[in-house]
């Protein structure tokens, strides 16, 4: 854990990333709070707070006596949420700045395509 955000938020995001990239498939068990705490060298209560955040969001669910599992539809739910966040955080400011500079939609598309080709 190495940024300024609360550790429980980082734990939740790590699990989200694993769901999005397919490392944690739907209906599979996620690491326990104790496993997360030991691996990341954090307090188990902090790990639990991150997991509970995902439970509250419907991304994980608990099987009594067994552990936490990835909910059906979690990957698409997360991808949709991230798409909206991406649009708000990156696309909207990009389009606003392009407008200020007199760059229209077609020119902006071409700029993006050119940038992508150069990678």
PDB file of N, CA and C in Angstrom:
ATOM      1  N   UNK A   1       0.859  -1.161   0.000  1.00  0.00           N
ATOM      2  CA  UNK A   1       0.000   0.000   0.000  1.00  0.00           C
ATOM      3  C   UNK A   1       0.908   1.227   0.000  1.00  0.00           C
ATOM      4  N   UNK A   2       0.741   2.038  -1.013  1.00  0.00           N
ATOM      5  CA  UNK A   2       1.744   3.090  -1.139  1.00  0.00           C
ATOM      6  C   UNK A   2       1.233   4.408  -1.715  1.00  0.00           C
ATOM      7  N   UNK A   3      -0.043   4.714  -1.552  1.00  0.00           N
ATOM      8  CA  UNK A   3      -0.456   6.044  -1.977  1.00  0.00           C
ATOM      9  C   UNK A   3      -1.195   6.736  -0.842  1.00  0.00           C
ATOM     10  N   UNK A   4      -1.722   7.904  -1.119  1.00  0.00           N
ATOM     11  CA  UNK A   4      -2.303   8.719  -0.060  1.00  0.00           C
ATOM     12  C   UNK A   4      -3.736   8.331   0.315  1.00  0.00           C
ATOM     13  N   UNK A   5      -4.336   7.451  -0.464  1.00  0.00           N
ATOM     14  CA  UNK A   5      -5.706   7.039  -0.158  1.00  0.00           C
ATOM     15  C   UNK A   5      -5.710   6.092   1.031  1.00  0.00           C
ATOM     16  N   UNK A   6      -6.834   6.037   1.755  1.00  0.00           N
ATOM     17  CA  UNK A   6      -6.911   5.102   2.885  1.00  0.00           C
ATOM     18  C   UNK A   6      -6.621   3.669   2.430  1.00  0.00           C
ATOM     19  N   UNK A   7      -5.987   2.903   3.288  1.00  0.00           N
ATOM     20  CA  UNK A   7      -5.581   1.542   2.946  1.00  0.00           C
ATOM     21  C   UNK A   7      -6.790   0.673   2.595  1.00  0.00           C
ATOM     22  N   UNK A   8      -7.903   0.833   3.320  1.00  0.00           N
ATOM     23  CA  UNK A   8      -9.072  -0.001   3.017  1.00  0.00           C
ATOM     24  C   UNK A   8      -9.588   0.263   1.605  1.00  0.00           C
ATOM     25  N   UNK A   9      -9.467   1.496   1.127  1.00  0.00           N
ATOM     26  CA  UNK A   9      -9.867   1.836  -0.246  1.00  0.00           C
ATOM     27  C   UNK A   9      -8.934   1.134  -1.233  1.00  0.00           C
ATOM     28  N   UNK A  10      -7.646   1.122  -0.921  1.00  0.00           N
ATOM     29  CA  UNK A  10      -6.673   0.451  -1.782  1.00  0.00           C
ATOM     30  C   UNK A  10      -6.925  -1.060  -1.829  1.00  0.00           C
ATOM     31  N   UNK A  11      -7.278  -1.647  -0.698  1.00  0.00           N
ATOM     32  CA  UNK A  11      -7.587  -3.082  -0.644  1.00  0.00           C
ATOM     33  C   UNK A  11      -8.798  -3.371  -1.529  1.00  0.00           C
ATOM     34  N   UNK A  12      -9.841  -2.569  -1.388  1.00  0.00           N
ATOM     35  CA  UNK A  12     -11.040  -2.759  -2.207  1.00  0.00           C
ATOM     36  C   UNK A  12     -10.692  -2.639  -3.688  1.00  0.00           C
ATOM     37  N   UNK A  13      -9.866  -1.667  -4.033  1.00  0.00           N
ATOM     38  CA  UNK A  13      -9.485  -1.470  -5.431  1.00  0.00           C
ATOM     39  C   UNK A  13      -8.644  -2.635  -5.961  1.00  0.00           C
ATOM     40  N   UNK A  14      -7.765  -3.182  -5.145  1.00  0.00           N
ATOM     41  CA  UNK A  14      -6.982  -4.352  -5.566  1.00  0.00           C
ATOM     42  C   UNK A  14      -7.893  -5.526  -5.919  1.00  0.00           C
ATOM     43  N   UNK A  15      -8.895  -5.733  -5.082  1.00  0.00           N
ATOM     44  CA  UNK A  15      -9.838  -6.820  -5.351  1.00  0.00           C
ATOM     45  C   UNK A  15     -10.652  -6.504  -6.601  1.00  0.00           C
ATOM     46  N   UNK A  16     -11.107  -5.255  -6.717  1.00  0.00           N
ATOM     47  CA  UNK A  16     -11.842  -4.843  -7.925  1.00  0.00           C
ATOM     48  C   UNK A  16     -11.008  -5.095  -9.179  1.00  0.00           C
ATOM     49  N   UNK A  17      -9.740  -4.701  -9.141  1.00  0.00           N
ATOM     50  CA  UNK A  17      -8.864  -4.896 -10.302  1.00  0.00           C
ATOM     51  C   UNK A  17      -8.731  -6.376 -10.655  1.00  0.00           C
ATOM     52  N   UNK A  18      -8.655  -7.217  -9.641  1.00  0.00           N
ATOM     53  CA  UNK A  18      -8.553  -8.657  -9.881  1.00  0.00           C
ATOM     54  C   UNK A  18      -9.836  -9.211 -10.498  1.00  0.00           C
ATOM     55  N   UNK A  19     -10.958  -8.635 -10.146  1.00  0.00           N
ATOM     56  CA  UNK A  19     -12.230  -9.052 -10.739  1.00  0.00           C
ATOM     57  C   UNK A  19     -12.305  -8.566 -12.190  1.00  0.00           C
ATOM     58  N   UNK A  20     -11.943  -7.319 -12.412  1.00  0.00           N
ATOM     59  CA  UNK A  20     -11.997  -6.754 -13.764  1.00  0.00           C
ATOM     60  C   UNK A  20     -11.067  -7.485 -14.719  1.00  0.00           C
ATOM     61  N   UNK A  21      -9.853  -7.806 -14.276  1.00  0.00           N
ATOM     62  CA  UNK A  21      -8.904  -8.466 -15.194  1.00  0.00           C
ATOM     63  C   UNK A  21      -9.097  -9.982 -15.259  1.00  0.00           C
ATOM     64  N   UNK A  22     -10.055 -10.500 -14.504  1.00  0.00           N
ATOM     65  CA  UNK A  22     -10.385 -11.919 -14.584  1.00  0.00           C
ATOM     66  C   UNK A  22      -9.598 -12.816 -13.652  1.00  0.00           C
ATOM     67  N   UNK A  23      -8.690 -12.259 -12.883  1.00  0.00           N
ATOM     68  CA  UNK A  23      -7.933 -13.064 -11.922  1.00  0.00           C
ATOM     69  C   UNK A  23      -8.880 -13.690 -10.898  1.00  0.00           C
ATOM     70  N   UNK A  24      -9.876 -12.914 -10.483  1.00  0.00           N
ATOM     71  CA  UNK A  24     -10.927 -13.423  -9.600  1.00  0.00           C
ATOM     72  C   UNK A  24     -12.215 -13.503 -10.419  1.00  0.00           C
ATOM     73  N   UNK A  25     -12.589 -14.705 -10.794  1.00  0.00           N
ATOM     74  CA  UNK A  25     -13.804 -14.900 -11.590  1.00  0.00           C
ATOM     75  C   UNK A  25     -15.038 -14.817 -10.700  1.00  0.00           C
ATOM     76  N   UNK A  26     -16.175 -14.570 -11.335  1.00  0.00           N
ATOM     77  CA  UNK A  26     -17.426 -14.543 -10.595  1.00  0.00           C
ATOM     78  C   UNK A  26     -17.665 -15.904  -9.951  1.00  0.00           C
ATOM     79  N   UNK A  27     -18.200 -15.864  -8.743  1.00  0.00           N
ATOM     80  CA  UNK A  27     -18.514 -17.042  -7.937  1.00  0.00           C
ATOM     81  C   UNK A  27     -17.277 -17.745  -7.374  1.00  0.00           C
ATOM     82  N   UNK A  28     -16.107 -17.103  -7.449  1.00  0.00           N
ATOM     83  CA  UNK A  28     -14.926 -17.677  -6.801  1.00  0.00           C
ATOM     84  C   UNK A  28     -14.693 -16.983  -5.462  1.00  0.00           C
ATOM     85  N   UNK A  29     -14.024 -17.688  -4.594  1.00  0.00           N
ATOM     86  CA  UNK A  29     -13.743 -17.162  -3.260  1.00  0.00           C
ATOM     87  C   UNK A  29     -12.602 -16.162  -3.317  1.00  0.00           C
ATOM     88  N   UNK A  30     -12.744 -15.094  -2.540  1.00  0.00           N
ATOM     89  CA  UNK A  30     -11.672 -14.096  -2.439  1.00  0.00           C
ATOM     90  C   UNK A  30     -10.849 -14.400  -1.186  1.00  0.00           C
ATOM     91  N   UNK A  31      -9.628 -13.897  -1.137  1.00  0.00           N
ATOM     92  CA  UNK A  31      -8.809 -14.124   0.071  1.00  0.00           C
ATOM     93  C   UNK A  31      -9.527 -13.592   1.316  1.00  0.00           C
ATOM     94  N   UNK A  32      -9.300 -14.251   2.419  1.00  0.00           N
ATOM     95  CA  UNK A  32      -9.917 -13.834   3.686  1.00  0.00           C
ATOM     96  C   UNK A  32      -9.283 -12.539   4.177  1.00  0.00           C
ATOM     97  N   UNK A  33      -9.943 -11.912   5.120  1.00  0.00           N
ATOM     98  CA  UNK A  33      -9.382 -10.687   5.701  1.00  0.00           C
ATOM     99  C   UNK A  33      -8.034 -10.970   6.355  1.00  0.00           C
ATOM    100  N   UNK A  34      -7.911 -12.131   6.996  1.00  0.00           N
ATOM    101  CA  UNK A  34      -6.634 -12.475   7.628  1.00  0.00           C
ATOM    102  C   UNK A  34      -5.540 -12.691   6.585  1.00  0.00           C
ATOM    103  N   UNK A  35      -5.876 -13.334   5.471  1.00  0.00           N
ATOM    104  CA  UNK A  35      -4.891 -13.528   4.398  1.00  0.00           C
ATOM    105  C   UNK A  35      -4.463 -12.183   3.813  1.00  0.00           C
ATOM    106  N   UNK A  36      -5.437 -11.314   3.568  1.00  0.00           N
ATOM    107  CA  UNK A  36      -5.108  -9.985   3.032  1.00  0.00           C
ATOM    108  C   UNK A  36      -4.249  -9.204   4.020  1.00  0.00           C
ATOM    109  N   UNK A  37      -4.613  -9.275   5.281  1.00  0.00           N
ATOM    110  CA  UNK A  37      -3.867  -8.546   6.320  1.00  0.00           C
ATOM    111  C   UNK A  37      -2.429  -9.043   6.408  1.00  0.00           C
ATOM    112  N   UNK A  38      -2.242 -10.352   6.386  1.00  0.00           N
ATOM    113  CA  UNK A  38      -0.895 -10.914   6.479  1.00  0.00           C
ATOM    114  C   UNK A  38      -0.073 -10.555   5.246  1.00  0.00           C
ATOM    115  N   UNK A  39      -0.672 -10.683   4.069  1.00  0.00           N
ATOM    116  CA  UNK A  39       0.051 -10.420   2.831  1.00  0.00           C
ATOM    117  C   UNK A  39       0.471  -8.955   2.718  1.00  0.00           C
ATOM    118  N   UNK A  40      -0.435  -8.044   3.077  1.00  0.00           N
ATOM    119  CA  UNK A  40      -0.160  -6.607   2.939  1.00  0.00           C
ATOM    120  C   UNK A  40       0.385  -5.976   4.217  1.00  0.00           C
ATOM    121  N   UNK A  41       0.523  -6.807   5.250  1.00  0.00           N
ATOM    122  CA  UNK A  41       1.019  -6.334   6.552  1.00  0.00           C
ATOM    123  C   UNK A  41       0.196  -5.161   7.084  1.00  0.00           C
ATOM    124  N   UNK A  42      -1.091  -5.408   7.161  1.00  0.00           N
ATOM    125  CA  UNK A  42      -2.026  -4.409   7.676  1.00  0.00           C
ATOM    126  C   UNK A  42      -2.895  -5.050   8.747  1.00  0.00           C
ATOM    127  N   UNK A  43      -3.640  -4.238   9.445  1.00  0.00           N
ATOM    128  CA  UNK A  43      -4.556  -4.706  10.466  1.00  0.00           C
ATOM    129  C   UNK A  43      -5.719  -5.452   9.799  1.00  0.00           C
ATOM    130  N   UNK A  44      -6.130  -6.614  10.336  1.00  0.00           N
ATOM    131  CA  UNK A  44      -7.263  -7.341   9.757  1.00  0.00           C
ATOM    132  C   UNK A  44      -8.545  -6.505   9.688  1.00  0.00           C
ATOM    133  N   UNK A  45      -8.742  -5.604  10.635  1.00  0.00           N
ATOM    134  CA  UNK A  45      -9.935  -4.746  10.610  1.00  0.00           C
ATOM    135  C   UNK A  45      -9.916  -3.822   9.387  1.00  0.00           C
ATOM    136  N   UNK A  46      -8.737  -3.398   8.981  1.00  0.00           N
ATOM    137  CA  UNK A  46      -8.605  -2.547   7.792  1.00  0.00           C
ATOM    138  C   UNK A  46      -8.947  -3.349   6.539  1.00  0.00           C
ATOM    139  N   UNK A  47      -8.454  -4.575   6.467  1.00  0.00           N
ATOM    140  CA  UNK A  47      -8.780  -5.449   5.332  1.00  0.00           C
ATOM    141  C   UNK A  47     -10.284  -5.711   5.297  1.00  0.00           C
ATOM    142  N   UNK A  48     -10.867  -5.950   6.464  1.00  0.00           N
ATOM    143  CA  UNK A  48     -12.304  -6.212   6.543  1.00  0.00           C
ATOM    144  C   UNK A  48     -13.108  -5.006   6.068  1.00  0.00           C
ATOM    145  N   UNK A  49     -12.626  -3.826   6.388  1.00  0.00           N
ATOM    146  CA  UNK A  49     -13.326  -2.618   5.953  1.00  0.00           C
ATOM    147  C   UNK A  49     -13.344  -2.512   4.431  1.00  0.00           C
ATOM    148  N   UNK A  50     -12.240  -2.882   3.789  1.00  0.00           N
ATOM    149  CA  UNK A  50     -12.186  -2.882   2.327  1.00  0.00           C
ATOM    150  C   UNK A  50     -13.125  -3.910   1.732  1.00  0.00           C
ATOM    151  N   UNK A  51     -13.143  -5.097   2.317  1.00  0.00           N
ATOM    152  CA  UNK A  51     -14.033  -6.157   1.835  1.00  0.00           C
ATOM    153  C   UNK A  51     -15.495  -5.771   2.068  1.00  0.00           C
ATOM    154  N   UNK A  52     -15.786  -5.219   3.232  1.00  0.00           N
ATOM    155  CA  UNK A  52     -17.166  -4.823   3.532  1.00  0.00           C
ATOM    156  C   UNK A  52     -17.668  -3.744   2.586  1.00  0.00           C
ATOM    157  N   UNK A  53     -16.783  -2.899   2.147  1.00  0.00           N
ATOM    158  CA  UNK A  53     -17.154  -1.878   1.165  1.00  0.00           C
ATOM    159  C   UNK A  53     -17.648  -2.560  -0.118  1.00  0.00           C
ATOM    160  N   UNK A  54     -16.964  -3.625  -0.532  1.00  0.00           N
ATOM    161  CA  UNK A  54     -17.360  -4.353  -1.739  1.00  0.00           C
ATOM    162  C   UNK A  54     -18.649  -5.144  -1.520  1.00  0.00           C
ATOM    163  N   UNK A  55     -18.852  -5.625  -0.304  1.00  0.00           N
ATOM    164  CA  UNK A  55     -20.113  -6.296   0.027  1.00  0.00           C
ATOM    165  C   UNK A  55     -21.259  -5.286  -0.064  1.00  0.00           C
ATOM    166  N   UNK A  56     -21.051  -4.111   0.511  1.00  0.00           N
ATOM    167  CA  UNK A  56     -22.077  -3.058   0.470  1.00  0.00           C
ATOM    168  C   UNK A  56     -22.425  -2.662  -0.961  1.00  0.00           C
ATOM    169  N   UNK A  57     -21.435  -2.737  -1.856  1.00  0.00           N
ATOM    170  CA  UNK A  57     -21.643  -2.386  -3.264  1.00  0.00           C
ATOM    171  C   UNK A  57     -22.214  -3.539  -4.087  1.00  0.00           C
ATOM    172  N   UNK A  58     -22.393  -4.716  -3.459  1.00  0.00           N
ATOM    173  CA  UNK A  58     -22.933  -5.868  -4.170  1.00  0.00           C
ATOM    174  C   UNK A  58     -21.918  -6.591  -5.038  1.00  0.00           C
ATOM    175  N   UNK A  59     -20.633  -6.293  -4.849  1.00  0.00           N
ATOM    176  CA  UNK A  59     -19.563  -6.918  -5.634  1.00  0.00           C
ATOM    177  C   UNK A  59     -19.183  -8.272  -5.034  1.00  0.00           C
ATOM    178  N   UNK A  60     -19.182  -8.353  -3.719  1.00  0.00           N
ATOM    179  CA  UNK A  60     -18.890  -9.595  -2.999  1.00  0.00           C
ATOM    180  C   UNK A  60     -20.102  -9.981  -2.161  1.00  0.00           C
ATOM    181  N   UNK A  61     -20.193 -11.253  -1.838  1.00  0.00           N
ATOM    182  CA  UNK A  61     -21.219 -11.712  -0.910  1.00  0.00           C
ATOM    183  C   UNK A  61     -20.613 -12.785  -0.011  1.00  0.00           C
ATOM    184  N   UNK A  62     -21.245 -12.973   1.138  1.00  0.00           N
ATOM    185  CA  UNK A  62     -20.727 -13.904   2.130  1.00  0.00           C
ATOM    186  C   UNK A  62     -21.495 -15.222   2.081  1.00  0.00           C
ATOM    187  N   UNK A  63     -20.745 -16.313   2.100  1.00  0.00           N
ATOM    188  CA  UNK A  63     -21.322 -17.647   2.299  1.00  0.00           C
ATOM    189  C   UNK A  63     -20.992 -18.013   3.738  1.00  0.00           C
ATOM    190  N   UNK A  64     -21.998 -18.075   4.536  1.00  0.00           N
ATOM    191  CA  UNK A  64     -21.828 -18.296   5.970  1.00  0.00           C
ATOM    192  C   UNK A  64     -20.924 -19.498   6.243  1.00  0.00           C
ATOM    193  N   UNK A  65     -19.891 -19.257   7.020  1.00  0.00           N
ATOM    194  CA  UNK A  65     -18.977 -20.312   7.423  1.00  0.00           C
ATOM    195  C   UNK A  65     -17.940 -20.700   6.379  1.00  0.00           C
ATOM    196  N   UNK A  66     -18.022 -20.098   5.195  1.00  0.00           N
ATOM    197  CA  UNK A  66     -17.088 -20.450   4.120  1.00  0.00           C
ATOM    198  C   UNK A  66     -16.187 -19.272   3.761  1.00  0.00           C
ATOM    199  N   UNK A  67     -16.791 -18.101   3.548  1.00  0.00           N
ATOM    200  CA  UNK A  67     -16.003 -16.924   3.201  1.00  0.00           C
ATOM    201  C   UNK A  67     -16.730 -16.008   2.238  1.00  0.00           C
ATOM    202  N   UNK A  68     -15.965 -15.118   1.636  1.00  0.00           N
ATOM    203  CA  UNK A  68     -16.502 -14.136   0.698  1.00  0.00           C
ATOM    204  C   UNK A  68     -16.278 -14.603  -0.733  1.00  0.00           C
ATOM    205  N   UNK A  69     -17.266 -14.309  -1.585  1.00  0.00           N
ATOM    206  CA  UNK A  69     -17.223 -14.728  -2.976  1.00  0.00           C
ATOM    207  C   UNK A  69     -17.583 -13.562  -3.887  1.00  0.00           C
ATOM    208  N   UNK A  70     -17.095 -13.639  -5.116  1.00  0.00           N
ATOM    209  CA  UNK A  70     -17.397 -12.619  -6.119  1.00  0.00           C
ATOM    210  C   UNK A  70     -18.818 -12.868  -6.618  1.00  0.00           C
ATOM    211  N   UNK A  71     -19.633 -11.837  -6.594  1.00  0.00           N
ATOM    212  CA  UNK A  71     -21.027 -11.945  -7.014  1.00  0.00           C
ATOM    213  C   UNK A  71     -21.138 -12.088  -8.534  1.00  0.00           C
ATOM    214  N   UNK A  72     -22.182 -12.763  -8.958  1.00  0.00           N
ATOM    215  CA  UNK A  72     -22.479 -12.846 -10.380  1.00  0.00           C
ATOM    216  C   UNK A  72     -22.776 -11.437 -10.889  1.00  0.00           C
ATOM    217  N   UNK A  73     -22.183 -11.079 -12.004  1.00  0.00           N
ATOM    218  CA  UNK A  73     -22.379  -9.751 -12.577  1.00  0.00           C
ATOM    219  C   UNK A  73     -21.435  -8.690 -12.041  1.00  0.00           C
ATOM    220  N   UNK A  74     -20.572  -9.070 -11.094  1.00  0.00           N
ATOM    221  CA  UNK A  74     -19.669  -8.098 -10.469  1.00  0.00           C
ATOM    222  C   UNK A  74     -18.717  -7.471 -11.479  1.00  0.00           C
ATOM    223  N   UNK A  75     -18.192  -8.277 -12.375  1.00  0.00           N
ATOM    224  CA  UNK A  75     -17.218  -7.749 -13.344  1.00  0.00           C
ATOM    225  C   UNK A  75     -17.848  -6.660 -14.206  1.00  0.00           C
ATOM    226  N   UNK A  76     -19.036  -6.922 -14.722  1.00  0.00           N
ATOM    227  CA  UNK A  76     -19.690  -5.930 -15.581  1.00  0.00           C
ATOM    228  C   UNK A  76     -20.096  -4.700 -14.777  1.00  0.00           C
ATOM    229  N   UNK A  77     -20.545  -4.895 -13.549  1.00  0.00           N
ATOM    230  CA  UNK A  77     -20.891  -3.764 -12.678  1.00  0.00           C
ATOM    231  C   UNK A  77     -19.672  -2.865 -12.476  1.00  0.00           C
ATOM    232  N   UNK A  78     -18.528  -3.482 -12.179  1.00  0.00           N
ATOM    233  CA  UNK A  78     -17.296  -2.712 -11.965  1.00  0.00           C
ATOM    234  C   UNK A  78     -16.846  -2.021 -13.243  1.00  0.00           C
ATOM    235  N   UNK A  79     -16.914  -2.736 -14.362  1.00  0.00           N
ATOM    236  CA  UNK A  79     -16.494  -2.141 -15.639  1.00  0.00           C
ATOM    237  C   UNK A  79     -17.366  -0.934 -15.978  1.00  0.00           C
ATOM    238  N   UNK A  80     -18.656  -1.035 -15.755  1.00  0.00           N
ATOM    239  CA  UNK A  80     -19.557   0.077 -16.044  1.00  0.00           C
ATOM    240  C   UNK A  80     -19.252   1.264 -15.130  1.00  0.00           C
ATOM    241  N   UNK A  81     -19.028   0.986 -13.850  1.00  0.00           N
ATOM    242  CA  UNK A  81     -18.698   2.062 -12.913  1.00  0.00           C
ATOM    243  C   UNK A  81     -17.389   2.746 -13.315  1.00  0.00           C
ATOM    244  N   UNK A  82     -16.392   1.942 -13.688  1.00  0.00           N
ATOM    245  CA  UNK A  82     -15.102   2.501 -14.089  1.00  0.00           C
ATOM    246  C   UNK A  82     -15.221   3.293 -15.393  1.00  0.00           C
ATOM    247  N   UNK A  83     -16.075   2.834 -16.315  1.00  0.00           N
ATOM    248  CA  UNK A  83     -16.291   3.590 -17.564  1.00  0.00           C
ATOM    249  C   UNK A  83     -16.857   4.977 -17.259  1.00  0.00           C
ATOM    250  N   UNK A  84     -17.838   5.009 -16.360  1.00  0.00           N
ATOM    251  CA  UNK A  84     -18.429   6.299 -15.989  1.00  0.00           C
ATOM    252  C   UNK A  84     -17.395   7.197 -15.309  1.00  0.00           C
ATOM    253  N   UNK A  85     -16.615   6.618 -14.405  1.00  0.00           N
ATOM    254  CA  UNK A  85     -15.556   7.380 -13.737  1.00  0.00           C
ATOM    255  C   UNK A  85     -14.534   7.888 -14.748  1.00  0.00           C
ATOM    256  N   UNK A  86     -14.180   7.030 -15.713  1.00  0.00           N
ATOM    257  CA  UNK A  86     -13.220   7.397 -16.756  1.00  0.00           C
ATOM    258  C   UNK A  86     -13.743   8.578 -17.568  1.00  0.00           C
ATOM    259  N   UNK A  87     -15.000   8.504 -17.947  1.00  0.00           N
ATOM    260  CA  UNK A  87     -15.593   9.582 -18.732  1.00  0.00           C
ATOM    261  C   UNK A  87     -15.580  10.893 -17.947  1.00  0.00           C
ATOM    262  N   UNK A  88     -15.938  10.821 -16.695  1.00  0.00           N
ATOM    263  CA  UNK A  88     -15.977  12.020 -15.861  1.00  0.00           C
ATOM    264  C   UNK A  88     -14.588  12.585 -15.612  1.00  0.00           C
ATOM    265  N   UNK A  89     -13.655  11.712 -15.301  1.00  0.00           N
ATOM    266  CA  UNK A  89     -12.318  12.151 -14.912  1.00  0.00           C
ATOM    267  C   UNK A  89     -11.435  12.539 -16.100  1.00  0.00           C
ATOM    268  N   UNK A  90     -11.587  11.853 -17.235  1.00  0.00           N
ATOM    269  CA  UNK A  90     -10.666  12.073 -18.348  1.00  0.00           C
ATOM    270  C   UNK A  90     -11.320  12.610 -19.615  1.00  0.00           C
ATOM    271  N   UNK A  91     -12.424  12.008 -20.019  1.00  0.00           N
ATOM    272  CA  UNK A  91     -13.016  12.390 -21.304  1.00  0.00           C
ATOM    273  C   UNK A  91     -13.638  13.777 -21.243  1.00  0.00           C
ATOM    274  N   UNK A  92     -14.410  14.046 -20.218  1.00  0.00           N
ATOM    275  CA  UNK A  92     -15.056  15.365 -20.122  1.00  0.00           C
ATOM    276  C   UNK A  92     -14.021  16.499 -20.150  1.00  0.00           C
ATOM    277  N   UNK A  93     -12.955  16.435 -19.325  1.00  0.00           N
ATOM    278  CA  UNK A  93     -11.957  17.507 -19.394  1.00  0.00           C
ATOM    279  C   UNK A  93     -11.261  17.575 -20.754  1.00  0.00           C
ATOM    280  N   UNK A  94     -11.028  16.438 -21.389  1.00  0.00           N
ATOM    281  CA  UNK A  94     -10.406  16.403 -22.703  1.00  0.00           C
ATOM    282  C   UNK A  94     -11.281  17.124 -23.729  1.00  0.00           C
ATOM    283  N   UNK A  95     -12.555  16.789 -23.728  1.00  0.00           N
ATOM    284  CA  UNK A  95     -13.488  17.416 -24.674  1.00  0.00           C
ATOM    285  C   UNK A  95     -13.617  18.909 -24.382  1.00  0.00           C
ATOM    286  N   UNK A  96     -13.690  19.274 -23.118  1.00  0.00           N
ATOM    287  CA  UNK A  96     -13.780  20.704 -22.754  1.00  0.00           C
ATOM    288  C   UNK A  96     -12.560  21.475 -23.251  1.00  0.00           C
ATOM    289  N   UNK A  97     -11.374  20.915 -23.047  1.00  0.00           N
ATOM    290  CA  UNK A  97     -10.146  21.584 -23.498  1.00  0.00           C
ATOM    291  C   UNK A  97     -10.098  21.646 -25.019  1.00  0.00           C
ATOM    292  N   UNK A  98     -10.508  20.582 -25.681  1.00  0.00           N
ATOM    293  CA  UNK A  98     -10.531  20.572 -27.151  1.00  0.00           C
ATOM    294  C   UNK A  98     -11.450  21.676 -27.671  1.00  0.00           C
ATOM    295  N   UNK A  99     -12.601  21.822 -27.053  1.00  0.00           N
ATOM    296  CA  UNK A  99     -13.531  22.894 -27.457  1.00  0.00           C
ATOM    297  C   UNK A  99     -12.883  24.269 -27.328  1.00  0.00           C
ATOM    298  N   UNK A 100     -12.204  24.487 -26.197  1.00  0.00           N
ATOM    299  CA  UNK A 100     -11.532  25.770 -25.972  1.00  0.00           C
ATOM    300  C   UNK A 100     -10.522  26.061 -27.075  1.00  0.00           C
ATOM    301  N   UNK A 101      -9.890  25.001 -27.574  1.00  0.00           N
ATOM    302  CA  UNK A 101      -8.851  25.153 -28.593  1.00  0.00           C
ATOM    303  C   UNK A 101      -9.412  25.101 -30.013  1.00  0.00           C
ATOM    304  N   UNK A 102     -10.712  24.960 -30.138  1.00  0.00           N
ATOM    305  CA  UNK A 102     -11.331  24.918 -31.449  1.00  0.00           C
ATOM    306  C   UNK A 102     -11.149  23.578 -32.156  1.00  0.00           C
ATOM    307  N   UNK A 103     -10.899  22.536 -31.403  1.00  0.00           N
ATOM    308  CA  UNK A 103     -10.737  21.196 -31.976  1.00  0.00           C
ATOM    309  C   UNK A 103     -12.105  20.515 -31.959  1.00  0.00           C
ATOM    310  N   UNK A 104     -12.593  20.160 -33.138  1.00  0.00           N
ATOM    311  CA  UNK A 104     -13.887  19.503 -33.249  1.00  0.00           C
ATOM    312  C   UNK A 104     -13.780  18.011 -32.985  1.00  0.00           C
ATOM    313  N   UNK A 105     -14.923  17.363 -32.990  1.00  0.00           N
ATOM    314  CA  UNK A 105     -14.999  15.935 -32.678  1.00  0.00           C
ATOM    315  C   UNK A 105     -14.159  15.089 -33.625  1.00  0.00           C
ATOM    316  N   UNK A 106     -14.286  15.350 -34.931  1.00  0.00           N
ATOM    317  CA  UNK A 106     -13.540  14.548 -35.907  1.00  0.00           C
ATOM    318  C   UNK A 106     -12.032  14.729 -35.756  1.00  0.00           C
ATOM    319  N   UNK A 107     -11.610  15.969 -35.554  1.00  0.00           N
ATOM    320  CA  UNK A 107     -10.175  16.224 -35.373  1.00  0.00           C
ATOM    321  C   UNK A 107      -9.673  15.559 -34.089  1.00  0.00           C
ATOM    322  N   UNK A 108     -10.487  15.600 -33.048  1.00  0.00           N
ATOM    323  CA  UNK A 108     -10.110  14.964 -31.785  1.00  0.00           C
ATOM    324  C   UNK A 108      -9.980  13.452 -31.969  1.00  0.00           C
ATOM    325  N   UNK A 109     -10.907  12.854 -32.705  1.00  0.00           N
ATOM    326  CA  UNK A 109     -10.821  11.414 -32.993  1.00  0.00           C
ATOM    327  C   UNK A 109      -9.519  11.099 -33.723  1.00  0.00           C
ATOM    328  N   UNK A 110      -9.175  11.925 -34.701  1.00  0.00           N
ATOM    329  CA  UNK A 110      -7.943  11.700 -35.468  1.00  0.00           C
ATOM    330  C   UNK A 110      -6.716  11.829 -34.573  1.00  0.00           C
ATOM    331  N   UNK A 111      -6.728  12.799 -33.694  1.00  0.00           N
ATOM    332  CA  UNK A 111      -5.611  12.959 -32.755  1.00  0.00           C
ATOM    333  C   UNK A 111      -5.449  11.710 -31.884  1.00  0.00           C
ATOM    334  N   UNK A 112      -6.559  11.184 -31.411  1.00  0.00           N
ATOM    335  CA  UNK A 112      -6.518   9.991 -30.573  1.00  0.00           C
ATOM    336  C   UNK A 112      -6.006   8.799 -31.380  1.00  0.00           C
ATOM    337  N   UNK A 113      -6.509   8.638 -32.597  1.00  0.00           N
ATOM    338  CA  UNK A 113      -6.065   7.531 -33.453  1.00  0.00           C
ATOM    339  C   UNK A 113      -4.575   7.634 -33.755  1.00  0.00           C
ATOM    340  N   UNK A 114      -4.107   8.848 -34.044  1.00  0.00           N
ATOM    341  CA  UNK A 114      -2.685   9.049 -34.322  1.00  0.00           C
ATOM    342  C   UNK A 114      -1.853   8.695 -33.100  1.00  0.00           C
ATOM    343  N   UNK A 115      -2.291   9.138 -31.951  1.00  0.00           N
ATOM    344  CA  UNK A 115      -1.587   8.848 -30.700  1.00  0.00           C
ATOM    345  C   UNK A 115      -1.513   7.341 -30.482  1.00  0.00           C
ATOM    346  N   UNK A 116      -2.637   6.656 -30.726  1.00  0.00           N
ATOM    347  CA  UNK A 116      -2.701   5.216 -30.534  1.00  0.00           C
ATOM    348  C   UNK A 116      -1.746   4.487 -31.501  1.00  0.00           C
ATOM    349  N   UNK A 117      -1.671   4.944 -32.729  1.00  0.00           N
ATOM    350  CA  UNK A 117      -0.801   4.325 -33.734  1.00  0.00           C
ATOM    351  C   UNK A 117       0.680   4.474 -33.358  1.00  0.00           C
ATOM    352  N   UNK A 118       1.020   5.553 -32.689  1.00  0.00           N
ATOM    353  CA  UNK A 118       2.412   5.823 -32.333  1.00  0.00           C
ATOM    354  C   UNK A 118       2.882   4.980 -31.143  1.00  0.00           C
ATOM    355  N   UNK A 119       1.971   4.382 -30.457  1.00  0.00           N
ATOM    356  CA  UNK A 119       2.329   3.588 -29.276  1.00  0.00           C
ATOM    357  C   UNK A 119       2.862   2.286 -29.671  1.00  0.00           C
TER     358      UNK A 119
END
